[in-house]
Amino acid sequence: DAVRGKNPRGISLPCYVLQAKMEEITQAASLRLLRMSAGRYRLVVGNERVHARGSSGLDLFVEDAFSGDALRPVHTLSGGESFLASLCLAMGLSDVVQAHAGGVRMEALFIDEGFGSLDAETLDTAMAAITELKADGRLIGIISHVEALKERIDAQIRVLKRPSGSFIELRV
């Protein structure tokens, strides 16, 4: 019964293992998110039941230093803040996978959209994080239609639509 989640925390053995990995990923992600948010946000995996009938252990919260380190659900972040948190989680996952993969490097990361919801300052922050990853030797691919972003990226593969069909254009 305890293995199936019939215990005080309501967490099954598979969820317990996932929670441990999720905590490792959020710790790695939080290091980046703290920098990107000027020390404001840190990600935390919840270990309490959020719903009386549900299990516990895989809920994600944000600790907000500007609100006395109060924990709140991640869905309360603004669009730009959510984008940065998602970017940090992707990078944290990459860091953890690499750490456990016996020297195998994840050398490419593709980001599909989300940039349209960012204000200029948050876009600068996101681009600085992406530049940092690039400096670490990783290939970062961004799929976007945002003009302000296109102006900042040196090497581009553009998909152009024409009546005769679509084709690609390389810009370096």
Protein backbone atom coordinates (compact mmCIF):
# COMPACT_ATOMS: atom_id res chain seq x y z
CA ASP A 1 0.00 0.00 0.00
CA ALA A 2 2.81 2.43 0.89
CA VAL A 3 4.49 1.82 -2.49
CA ARG A 4 1.20 2.55 -4.28
CA GLY A 5 0.81 5.86 -2.50
CA LYS A 6 -1.44 4.93 0.41
CA ASN A 7 0.74 6.78 2.89
CA PRO A 8 0.50 10.12 4.73
CA ARG A 9 2.09 12.04 1.82
CA GLY A 10 -0.01 10.28 -0.82
CA ILE A 11 3.03 9.61 -2.97
CA SER A 12 3.71 6.38 -4.83
CA LEU A 13 7.18 4.95 -5.36
CA PRO A 14 7.31 5.99 -9.06
CA CYS A 15 6.25 9.54 -8.10
CA TYR A 16 8.86 9.58 -5.34
CA VAL A 17 11.60 8.75 -7.85
CA LEU A 18 10.26 11.34 -10.32
CA GLN A 19 10.11 13.91 -7.52
CA ALA A 20 13.78 13.31 -6.71
CA LYS A 21 14.75 13.87 -10.37
CA MET A 22 12.44 16.87 -10.62
CA GLU A 23 14.08 18.40 -7.54
CA GLU A 24 17.50 17.94 -9.14
CA ILE A 25 16.29 19.61 -12.35
CA THR A 26 14.63 22.51 -10.52
CA GLN A 27 17.80 23.11 -8.48
CA ALA A 28 19.82 23.38 -11.69
CA ALA A 29 17.11 25.54 -13.28
CA SER A 30 16.88 27.78 -10.21
CA LEU A 31 20.56 28.69 -10.42
CA ARG A 32 19.87 30.18 -13.84
CA LEU A 33 16.47 31.64 -12.95
CA LEU A 34 17.90 33.45 -9.92
CA ARG A 35 20.42 35.16 -12.23
CA MET A 36 17.84 35.95 -14.90
CA SER A 37 15.34 37.36 -12.41
CA ALA A 38 17.92 39.45 -10.50
CA GLY A 39 17.59 37.19 -7.46
CA ARG A 40 13.79 37.22 -7.35
CA TYR A 41 12.64 33.71 -8.37
CA ARG A 42 13.60 30.17 -7.45
CA LEU A 43 11.73 27.03 -8.54
CA VAL A 44 10.57 24.55 -5.91
CA VAL A 45 8.98 21.10 -6.21
CA GLY A 46 6.01 20.80 -3.88
CA ASN A 47 5.89 17.89 -1.50
CA GLU A 48 2.43 18.43 -0.06
CA ARG A 49 -0.91 17.46 -1.48
CA VAL A 50 -2.39 20.30 -3.49
CA HIS A 51 -5.76 18.59 -3.92
CA ALA A 52 -7.28 16.39 -1.22
CA ARG A 53 -7.95 13.54 -3.67
CA GLY A 54 -4.71 13.81 -5.62
CA SER A 55 -1.21 12.57 -5.02
CA SER A 56 1.65 14.83 -4.03
CA GLY A 57 5.19 15.36 -5.12
CA LEU A 58 5.22 16.72 -8.67
CA ASP A 59 3.68 20.18 -8.32
CA LEU A 60 5.94 23.09 -9.25
CA PHE A 61 6.03 26.36 -7.34
CA VAL A 62 8.01 29.57 -7.50
CA GLU A 63 9.60 31.13 -4.44
CA ASP A 64 9.37 34.91 -4.77
CA ALA A 65 12.03 36.82 -2.82
CA PHE A 66 10.15 40.08 -3.49
CA SER A 67 7.19 38.67 -1.52
CA GLY A 68 9.06 37.46 1.55
CA ASP A 69 10.05 34.13 -0.08
CA ALA A 70 6.39 33.18 -0.39
CA LEU A 71 5.67 30.06 -2.43
CA ARG A 72 3.09 30.35 -5.18
CA PRO A 73 2.05 28.20 -8.14
CA VAL A 74 4.12 28.72 -11.29
CA HIS A 75 0.96 29.57 -13.26
CA THR A 76 0.91 32.92 -11.41
CA LEU A 77 4.03 34.10 -13.26
CA SER A 78 3.58 36.62 -16.07
CA GLY A 79 4.06 35.55 -19.68
CA GLY A 80 7.67 36.74 -19.82
CA GLU A 81 8.47 35.25 -16.41
CA SER A 82 6.91 31.93 -17.46
CA PHE A 83 9.03 31.93 -20.59
CA LEU A 84 12.21 32.48 -18.58
CA ALA A 85 11.22 29.76 -16.10
CA SER A 86 10.56 27.35 -18.98
CA LEU A 87 13.87 28.22 -20.59
CA CYS A 88 15.66 27.63 -17.28
CA LEU A 89 13.87 24.28 -16.81
CA ALA A 90 14.97 23.18 -20.30
CA MET A 91 18.55 24.18 -19.53
CA GLY A 92 18.36 22.54 -16.09
CA LEU A 93 17.09 19.32 -17.67
CA SER A 94 19.97 19.44 -20.12
CA ASP A 95 22.46 19.95 -17.28
CA VAL A 96 21.07 17.03 -15.26
CA VAL A 97 20.91 14.67 -18.25
CA GLN A 98 24.52 15.50 -19.12
CA ALA A 99 25.60 14.97 -15.51
CA HIS A 100 24.05 11.48 -15.50
CA ALA A 101 24.98 10.45 -19.03
CA GLY A 102 28.59 9.53 -18.42
CA GLY A 103 30.19 12.37 -20.33
CA VAL A 104 27.64 12.56 -23.14
CA ARG A 105 26.98 16.19 -24.00
CA MET A 106 23.67 17.60 -25.15
CA GLU A 107 25.04 20.04 -27.68
CA ALA A 108 21.84 21.36 -29.22
CA LEU A 109 18.75 23.05 -27.83
CA PHE A 110 15.84 24.22 -29.96
CA ILE A 111 13.41 26.81 -28.67
CA ASP A 112 10.08 27.11 -30.45
CA GLU A 113 8.36 30.44 -29.93
CA GLY A 114 7.42 32.18 -26.72
CA PHE A 115 9.55 35.19 -27.63
CA GLY A 116 6.51 37.17 -28.78
CA SER A 117 5.31 37.49 -25.18
CA LEU A 118 8.52 39.12 -23.98
CA ASP A 119 9.08 42.79 -23.31
CA ALA A 120 12.41 44.29 -24.43
CA GLU A 121 14.13 43.80 -21.05
CA THR A 122 13.05 40.16 -20.73
CA LEU A 123 14.09 39.53 -24.34
CA ASP A 124 17.53 40.92 -23.48
CA THR A 125 17.72 38.59 -20.47
CA ALA A 126 16.67 35.56 -22.54
CA MET A 127 19.16 36.39 -25.30
CA ALA A 128 21.95 36.78 -22.71
CA ALA A 129 21.16 33.27 -21.41
CA ILE A 130 21.14 31.87 -24.93
CA THR A 131 24.45 33.60 -25.68
CA GLU A 132 25.89 32.04 -22.52
CA LEU A 133 24.84 28.59 -23.74
CA LYS A 134 26.36 29.31 -27.14
CA ALA A 135 29.61 30.30 -25.45
CA ASP A 136 29.58 26.89 -23.71
CA GLY A 137 29.75 25.30 -27.17
CA ARG A 138 26.09 24.43 -27.60
CA LEU A 139 24.07 24.94 -30.75
CA ILE A 140 20.94 26.94 -29.99
CA GLY A 141 18.15 26.92 -32.55
CA ILE A 142 15.34 29.44 -32.23
CA ILE A 143 12.13 29.12 -34.20
CA SER A 144 10.45 32.51 -34.26
CA HIS A 145 8.63 35.15 -36.26
CA VAL A 146 9.53 38.04 -33.92
CA GLU A 147 11.32 40.78 -35.90
CA ALA A 148 13.26 42.12 -32.89
CA LEU A 149 14.70 38.65 -32.40
CA LYS A 150 15.60 38.21 -36.06
CA GLU A 151 17.70 41.36 -35.88
CA ARG A 152 19.78 39.88 -33.02
CA ILE A 153 20.61 36.52 -34.58
CA ASP A 154 23.58 36.36 -36.93
CA ALA A 155 23.12 32.97 -38.59
CA GLN A 156 19.60 32.25 -39.83
CA ILE A 157 17.74 29.66 -41.82
CA ARG A 158 14.59 31.29 -43.14
CA VAL A 159 11.66 29.42 -44.62
CA LEU A 160 10.19 31.48 -47.45
CA LYS A 161 6.75 30.77 -48.86
CA ARG A 162 6.13 31.34 -52.55
CA PRO A 163 3.30 30.37 -54.91
CA SER A 164 5.62 27.75 -56.40
CA GLY A 165 6.31 26.28 -52.94
CA SER A 166 8.42 26.90 -49.89
CA PHE A 167 12.19 27.06 -49.88
CA ILE A 168 14.94 27.96 -47.44
CA GLU A 169 17.34 30.84 -47.43
CA LEU A 170 20.57 30.83 -45.42
CA ARG A 171 21.81 34.08 -43.91
CA VAL A 172 25.13 34.38 -42.13
